[in-house]
Amino acid sequence: MKIAIIGAGNLGLAIAKGVLHSNGATTMYLTKRNTTEIMDYEKYGNVTVTWDNREAVKKSDILIFAVQPGHFSDILEQVKDLLTEKHVVISTITGFNISKIEEIIGADKYIIRSMPNTAISVGSSMTCLCSNKLGKKRTDLSKAIFNRMGHTLEIPEEQMQAATVICASGIAFWMRLIRATTQGAIQLGFDAKEAQELAMHTCNGAASLLIESGSHPEEEIDRVTTPKGCTISGLNEMEHQGLSSSLIRGIVTSFEKISQIRKG
């Protein structure tokens, strides 16, 4: 695959690393206004670093845009005359609807929106995808790219804001839970480093159990709760203090906020 990443900032470089480490590109162009700090990527041999977006578009088939939202329209205007039937346009820009992209480059292009999260930098992103009508023919291709850096799920575009809360903001929510578990472990006598190690790997194990087994969370909870035991006592106290309701209320509040921002 001939891939161009237009906007090689933190997210763009995370995607580049995922693709390169899995040998997912025959050639790759990385573009940035100041290329000095990313020149090291040319050591891969099949990577070209440039400030010239038009050059990158000409030499590539798959175009992944990871620029700031305020720059996206101008960049699309800058390259739209170069787009052909071979190009697949993949946008990672939050809040920039497919209809807005079509207004600039036309509905006769393969257009896909992707919403990865920051775990993409370690190959563990939950990435949601949606597309325009023509782009559905290239959805499998986009999944193949992002599955190299985690897991993908195709959803309707109207669910992308909700997915942003669950997957992107969700990273912060899980970090806070891991931090709270760490603090609890410290109170029980572990030092800070040990406490975080216990919390991180237990969280990772819980998610892995569900992924590998396909179980419902309550099934796995039942496996570790015994009558009058310490686990059910702890769970019940957490629920009395509002653990589940607080999480749900926080998720809904985040969604309401992102909806207000979009309207504004």
C-alpha atoms as a PDB file:
ATOM      1  CA  MET A   1       0.000   0.000   0.000  1.00  0.00           C
ATOM      2  CA  LYS A   2       1.164   3.512  -0.831  1.00  0.00           C
ATOM      3  CA  ILE A   3       0.202   5.558   2.225  1.00  0.00           C
ATOM      4  CA  ALA A   4       0.471   9.277   2.936  1.00  0.00           C
ATOM      5  CA  ILE A   5      -0.080  10.670   6.415  1.00  0.00           C
ATOM      6  CA  ILE A   6      -0.958  14.316   6.032  1.00  0.00           C
ATOM      7  CA  GLY A   7      -0.100  15.931   9.344  1.00  0.00           C
ATOM      8  CA  ALA A   8       2.606  13.948  11.132  1.00  0.00           C
ATOM      9  CA  GLY A   9       1.899  15.172  14.665  1.00  0.00           C
ATOM     10  CA  ASN A  10       1.366  12.901  17.670  1.00  0.00           C
ATOM     11  CA  LEU A  11      -1.565  10.967  16.199  1.00  0.00           C
ATOM     12  CA  GLY A  12      -0.148  10.891  12.679  1.00  0.00           C
ATOM     13  CA  LEU A  13       3.177   9.525  13.911  1.00  0.00           C
ATOM     14  CA  ALA A  14       1.444   6.945  16.099  1.00  0.00           C
ATOM     15  CA  ILE A  15      -0.393   5.680  13.013  1.00  0.00           C
ATOM     16  CA  ALA A  16       2.854   5.728  11.025  1.00  0.00           C
ATOM     17  CA  LYS A  17       4.630   3.636  13.664  1.00  0.00           C
ATOM     18  CA  GLY A  18       1.831   1.090  13.716  1.00  0.00           C
ATOM     19  CA  VAL A  19       1.835   0.709   9.945  1.00  0.00           C
ATOM     20  CA  LEU A  20       5.632   0.620   9.629  1.00  0.00           C
ATOM     21  CA  HIS A  21       6.194  -1.843  12.464  1.00  0.00           C
ATOM     22  CA  SER A  22       3.714  -4.241  10.861  1.00  0.00           C
ATOM     23  CA  ASN A  23       5.162  -3.779   7.356  1.00  0.00           C
ATOM     24  CA  GLY A  24       1.831  -2.400   6.205  1.00  0.00           C
ATOM     25  CA  ALA A  25       3.125   0.047   3.574  1.00  0.00           C
ATOM     26  CA  THR A  26       5.204  -0.333   0.440  1.00  0.00           C
ATOM     27  CA  THR A  27       5.858   3.414   0.531  1.00  0.00           C
ATOM     28  CA  MET A  28       4.897   6.108   3.032  1.00  0.00           C
ATOM     29  CA  TYR A  29       4.894   9.891   2.875  1.00  0.00           C
ATOM     30  CA  LEU A  30       4.843  11.914   6.087  1.00  0.00           C
ATOM     31  CA  THR A  31       4.019  15.600   5.808  1.00  0.00           C
ATOM     32  CA  LYS A  32       4.579  18.400   8.300  1.00  0.00           C
ATOM     33  CA  ARG A  33       5.296  22.101   7.987  1.00  0.00           C
ATOM     34  CA  ASN A  34       8.477  21.732  10.050  1.00  0.00           C
ATOM     35  CA  THR A  35      10.029  18.434   9.012  1.00  0.00           C
ATOM     36  CA  THR A  36      13.209  18.664  11.083  1.00  0.00           C
ATOM     37  CA  GLU A  37      11.954  16.651  14.047  1.00  0.00           C
ATOM     38  CA  ILE A  38      10.589  13.773  11.943  1.00  0.00           C
ATOM     39  CA  MET A  39      13.465  13.324   9.486  1.00  0.00           C
ATOM     40  CA  ASP A  40      14.564  10.206  11.408  1.00  0.00           C
ATOM     41  CA  TYR A  41      11.632   8.340   9.879  1.00  0.00           C
ATOM     42  CA  GLU A  42      13.458   8.238   6.559  1.00  0.00           C
ATOM     43  CA  LYS A  43      15.727   5.612   8.124  1.00  0.00           C
ATOM     44  CA  TYR A  44      12.967   3.101   7.348  1.00  0.00           C
ATOM     45  CA  GLY A  45      13.979   3.386   3.700  1.00  0.00           C
ATOM     46  CA  ASN A  46      10.472   3.416   2.238  1.00  0.00           C
ATOM     47  CA  VAL A  47       9.504   6.663   4.025  1.00  0.00           C
ATOM     48  CA  THR A  48       9.697  10.148   2.532  1.00  0.00           C
ATOM     49  CA  VAL A  49       9.373  13.167   4.813  1.00  0.00           C
ATOM     50  CA  THR A  50       8.164  16.381   3.172  1.00  0.00           C
ATOM     51  CA  TRP A  51       6.310  19.631   3.796  1.00  0.00           C
ATOM     52  CA  ASP A  52       4.642  19.286   0.380  1.00  0.00           C
ATOM     53  CA  ASN A  53       1.128  17.827   0.745  1.00  0.00           C
ATOM     54  CA  ARG A  54       0.606  17.815  -3.016  1.00  0.00           C
ATOM     55  CA  GLU A  55       3.682  15.679  -3.585  1.00  0.00           C
ATOM     56  CA  ALA A  56       2.478  13.207  -0.951  1.00  0.00           C
ATOM     57  CA  VAL A  57      -0.965  12.958  -2.556  1.00  0.00           C
ATOM     58  CA  LYS A  58       0.467  12.438  -6.044  1.00  0.00           C
ATOM     59  CA  LYS A  59       2.694   9.567  -4.884  1.00  0.00           C
ATOM     60  CA  SER A  60       0.154   7.766  -2.668  1.00  0.00           C
ATOM     61  CA  ASP A  61      -3.135   5.872  -2.870  1.00  0.00           C
ATOM     62  CA  ILE A  62      -4.296   5.984   0.750  1.00  0.00           C
ATOM     63  CA  LEU A  63      -4.433   9.436   2.329  1.00  0.00           C
ATOM     64  CA  ILE A  64      -4.736   9.592   6.116  1.00  0.00           C
ATOM     65  CA  PHE A  65      -5.433  13.123   7.331  1.00  0.00           C
ATOM     66  CA  ALA A  66      -4.378  13.848  10.923  1.00  0.00           C
ATOM     67  CA  VAL A  67      -4.260  17.646  10.874  1.00  0.00           C
ATOM     68  CA  GLN A  68      -5.835  20.219  13.182  1.00  0.00           C
ATOM     69  CA  PRO A  69      -9.566  20.687  12.473  1.00  0.00           C
ATOM     70  CA  GLY A  70      -9.063  24.359  11.582  1.00  0.00           C
ATOM     71  CA  HIS A  71      -6.580  23.454   8.830  1.00  0.00           C
ATOM     72  CA  PHE A  72      -8.442  20.551   7.270  1.00  0.00           C
ATOM     73  CA  SER A  73     -10.655  22.491   4.844  1.00  0.00           C
ATOM     74  CA  ASP A  74      -7.729  24.468   3.444  1.00  0.00           C
ATOM     75  CA  ILE A  75      -5.620  21.357   2.963  1.00  0.00           C
ATOM     76  CA  LEU A  76      -8.443  19.548   1.156  1.00  0.00           C
ATOM     77  CA  GLU A  77      -8.875  22.580  -1.120  1.00  0.00           C
ATOM     78  CA  GLN A  78      -5.138  22.533  -1.750  1.00  0.00           C
ATOM     79  CA  VAL A  79      -5.053  18.908  -2.975  1.00  0.00           C
ATOM     80  CA  LYS A  80      -8.558  18.201  -4.316  1.00  0.00           C
ATOM     81  CA  ASP A  81      -7.563  18.645  -7.966  1.00  0.00           C
ATOM     82  CA  LEU A  82      -5.068  15.777  -7.553  1.00  0.00           C
ATOM     83  CA  LEU A  83      -7.584  13.253  -6.259  1.00  0.00           C
ATOM     84  CA  THR A  84      -8.398  10.382  -8.607  1.00  0.00           C
ATOM     85  CA  GLU A  85     -10.493   7.222  -8.529  1.00  0.00           C
ATOM     86  CA  LYS A  86      -7.559   5.386  -6.895  1.00  0.00           C
ATOM     87  CA  HIS A  87      -7.428   7.564  -3.784  1.00  0.00           C
ATOM     88  CA  VAL A  88      -8.969   6.604  -0.443  1.00  0.00           C
ATOM     89  CA  VAL A  89      -9.435   9.599   1.868  1.00  0.00           C
ATOM     90  CA  ILE A  90      -9.332   8.700   5.576  1.00  0.00           C
ATOM     91  CA  SER A  91     -10.025  11.486   8.058  1.00  0.00           C
ATOM     92  CA  THR A  92      -9.101  11.269  11.756  1.00  0.00           C
ATOM     93  CA  ILE A  93     -10.419  14.791  12.430  1.00  0.00           C
ATOM     94  CA  THR A  94     -12.972  14.925  15.259  1.00  0.00           C
ATOM     95  CA  GLY A  95     -16.270  16.644  14.454  1.00  0.00           C
ATOM     96  CA  PHE A  96     -15.591  17.068  10.722  1.00  0.00           C
ATOM     97  CA  ASN A  97     -18.550  15.342   9.090  1.00  0.00           C
ATOM     98  CA  ILE A  98     -18.398  13.362   5.869  1.00  0.00           C
ATOM     99  CA  SER A  99     -20.869  15.772   4.277  1.00  0.00           C
ATOM    100  CA  LYS A 100     -18.399  18.648   4.844  1.00  0.00           C
ATOM    101  CA  ILE A 101     -15.619  16.617   3.218  1.00  0.00           C
ATOM    102  CA  GLU A 102     -17.886  15.808   0.259  1.00  0.00           C
ATOM    103  CA  GLU A 103     -18.701  19.513  -0.178  1.00  0.00           C
ATOM    104  CA  ILE A 104     -15.001  20.161  -0.794  1.00  0.00           C
ATOM    105  CA  ILE A 105     -13.774  17.116  -2.748  1.00  0.00           C
ATOM    106  CA  GLY A 106     -17.057  15.625  -4.039  1.00  0.00           C
ATOM    107  CA  ALA A 107     -19.223  12.652  -3.109  1.00  0.00           C
ATOM    108  CA  ASP A 108     -17.610  10.608  -5.902  1.00  0.00           C
ATOM    109  CA  LYS A 109     -14.557   9.894  -3.705  1.00  0.00           C
ATOM    110  CA  TYR A 110     -13.868   7.070  -1.270  1.00  0.00           C
ATOM    111  CA  ILE A 111     -14.257   8.869   2.077  1.00  0.00           C
ATOM    112  CA  ILE A 112     -13.830   7.242   5.479  1.00  0.00           C
ATOM    113  CA  ARG A 113     -13.851   8.764   8.963  1.00  0.00           C
ATOM    114  CA  SER A 114     -11.830   7.056  11.681  1.00  0.00           C
ATOM    115  CA  MET A 115     -11.772   7.769  15.409  1.00  0.00           C
ATOM    116  CA  PRO A 116      -8.784   6.107  17.077  1.00  0.00           C
ATOM    117  CA  ASN A 117      -7.703   6.719  20.676  1.00  0.00           C
ATOM    118  CA  THR A 118      -4.286   7.417  22.201  1.00  0.00           C
ATOM    119  CA  ALA A 119      -3.621   3.715  22.785  1.00  0.00           C
ATOM    120  CA  ILE A 120      -2.861   3.570  19.061  1.00  0.00           C
ATOM    121  CA  SER A 121       0.708   4.517  20.008  1.00  0.00           C
ATOM    122  CA  VAL A 122       1.131   1.081  21.632  1.00  0.00           C
ATOM    123  CA  GLY A 123      -0.898  -0.870  19.071  1.00  0.00           C
ATOM    124  CA  SER A 124      -4.012  -1.155  21.244  1.00  0.00           C
ATOM    125  CA  SER A 125      -6.438   1.444  19.899  1.00  0.00           C
ATOM    126  CA  MET A 126     -10.183   0.980  19.754  1.00  0.00           C
ATOM    127  CA  THR A 127     -10.855   2.666  16.396  1.00  0.00           C
ATOM    128  CA  CYS A 128     -14.365   3.396  15.122  1.00  0.00           C
ATOM    129  CA  LEU A 129     -14.983   3.803  11.396  1.00  0.00           C
ATOM    130  CA  CYS A 130     -17.749   5.155   9.181  1.00  0.00           C
ATOM    131  CA  SER A 131     -17.871   6.083   5.511  1.00  0.00           C
ATOM    132  CA  ASN A 132     -19.802   7.714   2.710  1.00  0.00           C
ATOM    133  CA  LYS A 133     -21.719   5.524   0.259  1.00  0.00           C
ATOM    134  CA  LEU A 134     -18.751   4.980  -2.050  1.00  0.00           C
ATOM    135  CA  GLY A 135     -16.334   4.585   0.840  1.00  0.00           C
ATOM    136  CA  LYS A 136     -18.096   1.417   1.989  1.00  0.00           C
ATOM    137  CA  LYS A 137     -16.250  -0.340  -0.822  1.00  0.00           C
ATOM    138  CA  ARG A 138     -12.972   0.491   0.955  1.00  0.00           C
ATOM    139  CA  THR A 139     -14.037  -0.144   4.543  1.00  0.00           C
ATOM    140  CA  ASP A 140     -12.263  -3.504   4.664  1.00  0.00           C
ATOM    141  CA  LEU A 141      -9.089  -1.781   3.514  1.00  0.00           C
ATOM    142  CA  SER A 142      -9.304   0.820   6.273  1.00  0.00           C
ATOM    143  CA  LYS A 143     -10.031  -1.900   8.833  1.00  0.00           C
ATOM    144  CA  ALA A 144      -6.935  -3.760   7.682  1.00  0.00           C
ATOM    145  CA  ILE A 145      -4.850  -0.632   8.323  1.00  0.00           C
ATOM    146  CA  PHE A 146      -6.215   0.161  11.778  1.00  0.00           C
ATOM    147  CA  ASN A 147      -6.449  -3.473  12.907  1.00  0.00           C
ATOM    148  CA  ARG A 148      -2.657  -3.410  12.792  1.00  0.00           C
ATOM    149  CA  MET A 149      -2.871  -0.942  15.673  1.00  0.00           C
ATOM    150  CA  GLY A 150      -5.637  -2.467  17.755  1.00  0.00           C
ATOM    151  CA  HIS A 151      -9.290  -3.250  17.081  1.00  0.00           C
ATOM    152  CA  THR A 152     -11.849  -1.632  14.762  1.00  0.00           C
ATOM    153  CA  LEU A 153     -15.615  -1.324  14.716  1.00  0.00           C
ATOM    154  CA  GLU A 154     -17.725   0.057  11.853  1.00  0.00           C
ATOM    155  CA  ILE A 155     -20.562   2.279  13.114  1.00  0.00           C
ATOM    156  CA  PRO A 156     -23.051   4.800  11.632  1.00  0.00           C
ATOM    157  CA  GLU A 157     -21.693   8.340  11.479  1.00  0.00           C
ATOM    158  CA  GLU A 158     -24.348   9.603  13.903  1.00  0.00           C
ATOM    159  CA  GLN A 159     -22.723   7.445  16.606  1.00  0.00           C
ATOM    160  CA  MET A 160     -19.239   8.919  16.167  1.00  0.00           C
ATOM    161  CA  GLN A 161     -19.711  11.504  18.921  1.00  0.00           C
ATOM    162  CA  ALA A 162     -20.804   8.840  21.366  1.00  0.00           C
ATOM    163  CA  ALA A 163     -17.883   6.665  20.299  1.00  0.00           C
ATOM    164  CA  THR A 164     -15.533   9.572  20.990  1.00  0.00           C
ATOM    165  CA  VAL A 165     -16.757   9.620  24.597  1.00  0.00           C
ATOM    166  CA  ILE A 166     -16.579   5.848  25.105  1.00  0.00           C
ATOM    167  CA  CYS A 167     -13.271   5.251  23.314  1.00  0.00           C
ATOM    168  CA  ALA A 168     -11.263   8.491  23.354  1.00  0.00           C
ATOM    169  CA  SER A 169     -12.459  10.055  26.621  1.00  0.00           C
ATOM    170  CA  GLY A 170     -12.798   6.499  27.880  1.00  0.00           C
ATOM    171  CA  ILE A 171      -9.024   6.191  28.074  1.00  0.00           C
ATOM    172  CA  ALA A 172      -9.052   8.912  30.738  1.00  0.00           C
ATOM    173  CA  PHE A 173     -11.942   7.247  32.585  1.00  0.00           C
ATOM    174  CA  TRP A 174     -10.063   3.937  32.785  1.00  0.00           C
ATOM    175  CA  MET A 175      -6.867   5.724  33.823  1.00  0.00           C
ATOM    176  CA  ARG A 176      -8.740   7.259  36.749  1.00  0.00           C
ATOM    177  CA  LEU A 177     -10.051   3.834  37.801  1.00  0.00           C
ATOM    178  CA  ILE A 178      -6.545   2.392  37.608  1.00  0.00           C
ATOM    179  CA  ARG A 179      -5.258   5.336  39.634  1.00  0.00           C
ATOM    180  CA  ALA A 180      -7.934   4.782  42.292  1.00  0.00           C
ATOM    181  CA  THR A 181      -7.061   1.075  42.484  1.00  0.00           C
ATOM    182  CA  THR A 182      -3.406   2.050  42.846  1.00  0.00           C
ATOM    183  CA  GLN A 183      -4.237   4.353  45.736  1.00  0.00           C
ATOM    184  CA  GLY A 184      -6.212   1.572  47.406  1.00  0.00           C
ATOM    185  CA  ALA A 185      -3.272  -0.804  47.049  1.00  0.00           C
ATOM    186  CA  ILE A 186      -0.954   1.760  48.613  1.00  0.00           C
ATOM    187  CA  GLN A 187      -3.319   2.063  51.576  1.00  0.00           C
ATOM    188  CA  LEU A 188      -3.132  -1.731  51.966  1.00  0.00           C
ATOM    189  CA  GLY A 189       0.666  -1.592  52.233  1.00  0.00           C
ATOM    190  CA  PHE A 190       2.175  -1.782  48.738  1.00  0.00           C
ATOM    191  CA  ASP A 191       4.628   0.860  47.608  1.00  0.00           C
ATOM    192  CA  ALA A 192       3.517   3.152  44.774  1.00  0.00           C
ATOM    193  CA  LYS A 193       5.354   1.329  41.976  1.00  0.00           C
ATOM    194  CA  GLU A 194       4.121  -2.097  43.061  1.00  0.00           C
ATOM    195  CA  ALA A 195       0.596  -0.763  43.533  1.00  0.00           C
ATOM    196  CA  GLN A 196       0.419   0.638  39.996  1.00  0.00           C
ATOM    197  CA  GLU A 197       1.880  -2.568  38.559  1.00  0.00           C
ATOM    198  CA  LEU A 198      -0.803  -4.614  40.309  1.00  0.00           C
ATOM    199  CA  ALA A 199      -3.577  -2.272  39.148  1.00  0.00           C
ATOM    200  CA  MET A 200      -2.402  -2.035  35.515  1.00  0.00           C
ATOM    201  CA  HIS A 201      -1.951  -5.735  34.922  1.00  0.00           C
ATOM    202  CA  THR A 202      -5.147  -6.694  36.718  1.00  0.00           C
ATOM    203  CA  CYS A 203      -7.068  -4.234  34.515  1.00  0.00           C
ATOM    204  CA  ASN A 204      -5.367  -5.633  31.432  1.00  0.00           C
ATOM    205  CA  GLY A 205      -6.202  -9.176  32.537  1.00  0.00           C
ATOM    206  CA  ALA A 206      -9.866  -8.330  33.085  1.00  0.00           C
ATOM    207  CA  ALA A 207     -10.206  -6.882  29.578  1.00  0.00           C
ATOM    208  CA  SER A 208      -8.288  -9.801  28.055  1.00  0.00           C
ATOM    209  CA  LEU A 209     -10.603 -12.302  29.775  1.00  0.00           C
ATOM    210  CA  LEU A 210     -13.648 -10.706  28.164  1.00  0.00           C
ATOM    211  CA  ILE A 211     -11.982 -10.377  24.752  1.00  0.00           C
ATOM    212  CA  GLU A 212     -10.765 -13.982  24.666  1.00  0.00           C
ATOM    213  CA  SER A 213     -13.786 -15.656  26.260  1.00  0.00           C
ATOM    214  CA  GLY A 214     -16.609 -13.511  24.869  1.00  0.00           C
ATOM    215  CA  SER A 215     -18.161 -13.651  28.343  1.00  0.00           C
ATOM    216  CA  HIS A 216     -20.440 -11.049  29.889  1.00  0.00           C
ATOM    217  CA  PRO A 217     -18.672  -9.160  32.719  1.00  0.00           C
ATOM    218  CA  GLU A 218     -21.123 -10.559  35.270  1.00  0.00           C
ATOM    219  CA  GLU A 219     -20.115 -14.115  34.326  1.00  0.00           C
ATOM    220  CA  GLU A 220     -16.489 -13.355  35.210  1.00  0.00           C
ATOM    221  CA  ILE A 221     -17.567 -11.550  38.372  1.00  0.00           C
ATOM    222  CA  ASP A 222     -19.501 -14.659  39.448  1.00  0.00           C
ATOM    223  CA  ARG A 223     -16.318 -16.730  39.073  1.00  0.00           C
ATOM    224  CA  VAL A 224     -14.524 -14.734  41.766  1.00  0.00           C
ATOM    225  CA  THR A 225     -17.350 -14.015  44.207  1.00  0.00           C
ATOM    226  CA  THR A 226     -18.177 -16.461  46.976  1.00  0.00           C
ATOM    227  CA  PRO A 227     -20.958 -16.303  49.584  1.00  0.00           C
ATOM    228  CA  LYS A 228     -20.040 -13.892  52.396  1.00  0.00           C
ATOM    229  CA  GLY A 229     -16.642 -13.412  50.720  1.00  0.00           C
ATOM    230  CA  CYS A 230     -14.369 -10.373  50.438  1.00  0.00           C
ATOM    231  CA  THR A 231     -15.065  -9.775  46.726  1.00  0.00           C
ATOM    232  CA  ILE A 232     -18.842  -9.437  47.023  1.00  0.00           C
ATOM    233  CA  SER A 233     -18.425  -7.316  50.150  1.00  0.00           C
ATOM    234  CA  GLY A 234     -16.163  -4.924  48.265  1.00  0.00           C
ATOM    235  CA  LEU A 235     -18.406  -4.837  45.196  1.00  0.00           C
ATOM    236  CA  ASN A 236     -21.514  -4.114  47.226  1.00  0.00           C
ATOM    237  CA  GLU A 237     -19.823  -1.286  49.102  1.00  0.00           C
ATOM    238  CA  MET A 238     -18.660   0.253  45.781  1.00  0.00           C
ATOM    239  CA  GLU A 239     -22.216   0.087  44.463  1.00  0.00           C
ATOM    240  CA  HIS A 240     -23.596   1.592  47.676  1.00  0.00           C
ATOM    241  CA  GLN A 241     -21.201   4.492  47.079  1.00  0.00           C
ATOM    242  CA  GLY A 242     -22.423   4.872  43.491  1.00  0.00           C
ATOM    243  CA  LEU A 243     -19.637   3.349  41.382  1.00  0.00           C
ATOM    244  CA  SER A 244     -21.755   2.260  38.392  1.00  0.00           C
ATOM    245  CA  SER A 245     -24.127   5.224  38.499  1.00  0.00           C
ATOM    246  CA  SER A 246     -21.194   7.672  38.726  1.00  0.00           C
ATOM    247  CA  LEU A 247     -19.535   6.123  35.689  1.00  0.00           C
ATOM    248  CA  ILE A 248     -22.734   6.223  33.668  1.00  0.00           C
ATOM    249  CA  ARG A 249     -23.458   9.811  34.714  1.00  0.00           C
ATOM    250  CA  GLY A 250     -19.917  10.828  33.780  1.00  0.00           C
ATOM    251  CA  ILE A 251     -20.231   9.237  30.338  1.00  0.00           C
ATOM    252  CA  VAL A 252     -23.572  10.958  29.693  1.00  0.00           C
ATOM    253  CA  THR A 253     -22.172  14.304  30.901  1.00  0.00           C
ATOM    254  CA  SER A 254     -19.218  13.992  28.517  1.00  0.00           C
ATOM    255  CA  PHE A 255     -21.592  13.242  25.656  1.00  0.00           C
ATOM    256  CA  GLU A 256     -23.741  16.263  26.502  1.00  0.00           C
ATOM    257  CA  LYS A 257     -20.611  18.429  26.542  1.00  0.00           C
ATOM    258  CA  ILE A 258     -19.324  17.226  23.170  1.00  0.00           C
ATOM    259  CA  SER A 259     -22.801  17.789  21.721  1.00  0.00           C
ATOM    260  CA  GLN A 260     -22.768  21.404  22.997  1.00  0.00           C
ATOM    261  CA  ILE A 261     -19.303  21.993  21.546  1.00  0.00           C
ATOM    262  CA  ARG A 262     -20.440  20.744  18.142  1.00  0.00           C
ATOM    263  CA  LYS A 263     -23.501  23.010  18.166  1.00  0.00           C
ATOM    264  CA  GLY A 264     -21.308  25.948  19.160  1.00  0.00           C
END
